[in-house]
Amino acid sequence: GHIVRNWKVRWFVLLQDKLLYYKIEGGKKEPSPKGRILLDGCTITCPCLEYENRPLLIKLKTKTNTDYFLECCSREERDSWALDITGAIHAGHPVQVQELHRMKNSFKLLENISLHHIVERICDSSTGIKLTRNLEQGNRYKETFTGSALVDWLISNSFAVSRFEAITLASMLMEENFIKPVGARSTEATRYSDLSEQFLDDSTALYMFAESSKKNISSKEELQFNISELSGTIVKQGFLVKQGHKRKNWKVRRFVLRADPAFLHYYDPTKEENRPVGGFSLRGCLVSALEDNGVPAGVKGNVQGNLFKIITKNDIRYYIQASSKAERAQWIEAIKPLT
């Protein structure tokens, strides 16, 4: 928000020359946009590291120097939005847009290797990267490593076969807030470079582990939870309205559907940490649409239309509302093959 600096869910629509955003009420967007961002003369920063606890940000600065901070649901969605917005800004330069798409799709993680696993290996006290004290422009930084040292480590540990791949992988670690730049050299690169040059393979660029990275690796049990449930392929994601289990009230939640393993997680979009507030395995679940004539059994409050129900194998019932019949059908069709 521009006046009150809080974070709110908005529905965005990208047009050729502007980005419109709508207010969400009861899981549906209002008919008239709440605001617009003119893209002519805009500059885009992605990833934006100005909020440490929000690694999925895009920053837009208009030609009148107004800053907009937009948070996405996942790294994939953030990168997709950044590419499309960049394409709209540079509509007259299709070659630039094609190059951005090529860069985005040119590197894939090795099969069965997650970023959490790489960070765990990097932080290993015996075989991980060596942390040192470094001095830059009169400032001392503890427990840091250089960009070139991380590139060397990734190659020597067979996570990448070339310096280009290692830089891409290091950029992913930075985008996911596992590592962060410290000092003027590396910090300026994230602010002023394009998407392909924000991590520096340089012996004078300093980096350190982010606080969120330390939290992620502090508990072996928590790490296993992240890998087992949250490492599956994202099949579908979006905002739905869910009935609470205790108070039976209805709240907007960001749902993420994953396969291999099959899980449905939901997030509170008003929370700063990017961790699910709930979720469950889809194995053995039943999913079905609810009738639109009247309030179905099990549903509290005067909530009607576009509802569906998921019953887990432990007989826990989830009541969820989509914004339209078409969206409800899409979610049911996506969930059914994973049950």
Foldseek 3Di string as FASTA:
>chain_A
DVPPPADDDWDWDDDLFKIFTFHDDQQATDPDTPDMGGLAQKDKFPPDPPDLLQLQWIWIQHPVRDIDIDGDQDNVVSLVVVLVSVCSRPVVCVVVSVVSVCLVPVDDWDPPDDPLNVLLQQPDPPRHQDFAWDDDPRDIDGRKAALLSQLVSCCVVPRDVDSLRSQVSVLVCVSVSQKHWDDDPLVVLSVPPDPSGNRDSDRPTMMHGGPVNCVCNVDPVSVVVCCQPVVFAWDDKDWWWWQDPPPRDIDIWIWTFGVPPTKIFTPDSRDSHSDTPDIDGLVQKDKDADDQPFDDPPHDDRDGDQWMWIQHPVRDIIIIHHNHVVVSVVVCVSSVVND
